[in-house]
Amino acid sequence: MSGASRAATRRNRRLSLRSAMYKYNRVLIALNLLSDQDETTLRYAGMLGRLGMPNAVYVAHVAETLDIPDSVREAYPEALRPLDETIEEQLRYCVGAHFGERPANTDVHYLVGEGPTAETLLRWTKLKDIDLVIVGSRRRGRARAPRRSGRPRPRGSSRRPCAAPPA
């Protein structure tokens, strides 16, 4: 095979990969709000969102239960809001802090639910006709840090979980 035909083959392969890239119209991002993996997951989803420009992004959190114990409710009746509203506020804060710029035609929706995590996410995937689900990965009970190459993180910066908006 000559050098020119090898170059043409490589060029055709690159073109076929570009044309085969699937357009994700609806993306579901699952966050747990307890680990620094949420930041990595949102940055990755933001990068995919800028490349694929989905029509809708759903940011989701599934809790075991959304019930507030009666003893806590009686002790702090004026300070408590419904738990799903508090979680949605945390999701909005995390997306604003780590998702990055989103295309103008992309709508962001927030989903908060309770029950078994996998089953709830699968149900939402079917109901919302989701094309891509993005979840963080865990290894041995700890959030897995992304592999990075290049410059190290600047001093003074730290990775904190996306737990609550600053007061």
Foldseek 3Di string as FASTA:
>chain_A
DDPVVVVVVVVVVVVVVVVPDDQWQEEEEEDALAALLLLVLLQVVLVVCVVRVHQEYEYEYEAQDQDDDPVVCVVCVPPDDRSVVQVQQLSVVSNVVRNPDGDPNYYYHYYYYHNDDVVVVVVCCVVVVGDYYTYFDDDPPHGDDDDDDDDDDDPPDDRDGSNHDDD
